C-alpha cells in the first residue's frame, strides 16, 4: 500500500465518523488548507509581489533580516 493510499483511507475513515451537519465546515477546512499549502505559479507570484511593491507594501531589508534572525533563534530553542 502506498503512503498516499494509506492517508486516503484514514481521511475517509475520519470523514465517515463526522456527523453530517459538520461536513460542510469540514469541506471548507480541507479546501482552505489545500489552497494555503499549494504554491502559486511563478508568474502569478511575481505579479502579486510586483503589485505589492508598486503599492509601497514593502519592508526595509534590515527588518526582514531581524525577522529571519528571530525565527531562526526560536527554531534553535525548540530543538
Protein backbone atom coordinates (compact mmCIF):
# COMPACT_ATOMS: atom_id res chain seq x y z
CA UNK A 1 0.00 0.00 0.00
CA UNK A 2 1.35 3.42 -0.92
CA UNK A 3 1.62 6.19 1.65
CA UNK A 4 -0.93 8.24 -0.30
CA UNK A 5 -3.44 5.39 -0.24
CA UNK A 6 -2.92 4.90 3.49
CA UNK A 7 -3.66 8.59 4.13
CA UNK A 8 -6.69 8.48 1.86
CA UNK A 9 -8.06 5.53 3.84
CA UNK A 10 -7.51 7.32 7.15
CA UNK A 11 -9.09 10.52 5.86
CA UNK A 12 -12.06 8.57 4.54
CA UNK A 13 -12.50 6.87 7.91
CA UNK A 14 -12.41 10.23 9.71
CA UNK A 15 -14.91 11.74 7.28
CA UNK A 16 -17.31 8.83 7.74
CA UNK A 17 -17.17 9.37 11.51
CA UNK A 18 -18.01 13.06 11.18
CA UNK A 19 -21.68 13.94 11.79
CA UNK A 20 -23.45 15.10 8.62
CA UNK A 21 -24.14 18.60 9.94
CA UNK A 22 -20.37 19.22 10.23
CA UNK A 23 -19.46 18.04 6.73
CA UNK A 24 -19.85 21.49 5.04
CA UNK A 25 -17.43 23.02 7.57
CA UNK A 26 -15.01 20.11 7.16
CA UNK A 27 -15.09 20.51 3.39
CA UNK A 28 -14.35 24.22 3.75
CA UNK A 29 -11.43 23.47 6.10
CA UNK A 30 -9.94 20.95 3.67
CA UNK A 31 -10.26 23.35 0.73
CA UNK A 32 -8.74 26.25 2.64
CA UNK A 33 -5.89 24.03 3.80
CA UNK A 34 -5.16 22.84 0.26
CA UNK A 35 -5.19 26.41 -1.05
CA UNK A 36 -2.85 27.55 1.73
CA UNK A 37 -0.21 24.89 1.09
CA UNK A 38 -0.37 24.84 -2.70
CA UNK A 39 2.21 27.06 -4.36
CA UNK A 40 1.02 29.62 -6.86
CA UNK A 41 2.54 29.52 -10.34
CA UNK A 42 5.73 31.60 -10.51
CA UNK A 43 4.20 34.20 -12.85
CA UNK A 44 1.23 34.76 -10.54
CA UNK A 45 3.51 35.01 -7.51
CA UNK A 46 5.72 37.54 -9.29
CA UNK A 47 2.68 39.64 -10.33
CA UNK A 48 1.45 39.71 -6.73
CA UNK A 49 4.89 40.68 -5.42
CA UNK A 50 5.32 43.40 -8.04
CA UNK A 51 1.86 44.75 -7.28
CA UNK A 52 2.77 44.94 -3.58
CA UNK A 53 5.96 46.84 -4.44
CA UNK A 54 4.05 49.33 -6.58
CA UNK A 55 1.62 49.93 -3.69
CA UNK A 56 4.55 50.51 -1.33
CA UNK A 57 3.85 47.38 0.69
CA UNK A 58 7.50 46.67 1.41
CA UNK A 59 9.70 46.27 4.47
CA UNK A 60 13.25 47.54 4.94
CA UNK A 61 15.81 44.81 4.41
CA UNK A 62 17.08 45.21 7.98
CA UNK A 63 13.61 44.42 9.31
CA UNK A 64 13.37 41.34 7.13
CA UNK A 65 16.72 40.09 8.45
CA UNK A 66 15.60 40.79 12.05
CA UNK A 67 12.51 38.64 11.49
CA UNK A 68 14.61 35.86 9.96
CA UNK A 69 17.02 36.02 12.92
CA UNK A 70 14.17 35.83 15.47
CA UNK A 71 12.56 32.89 13.66
CA UNK A 72 15.90 31.11 13.47
CA UNK A 73 16.59 31.62 17.18
CA UNK A 74 13.12 30.30 18.07
CA UNK A 75 13.71 27.21 15.95
CA UNK A 76 17.06 26.55 17.65
CA UNK A 77 15.49 26.81 21.11
CA UNK A 78 12.72 24.36 20.27
CA UNK A 79 15.20 21.67 19.16
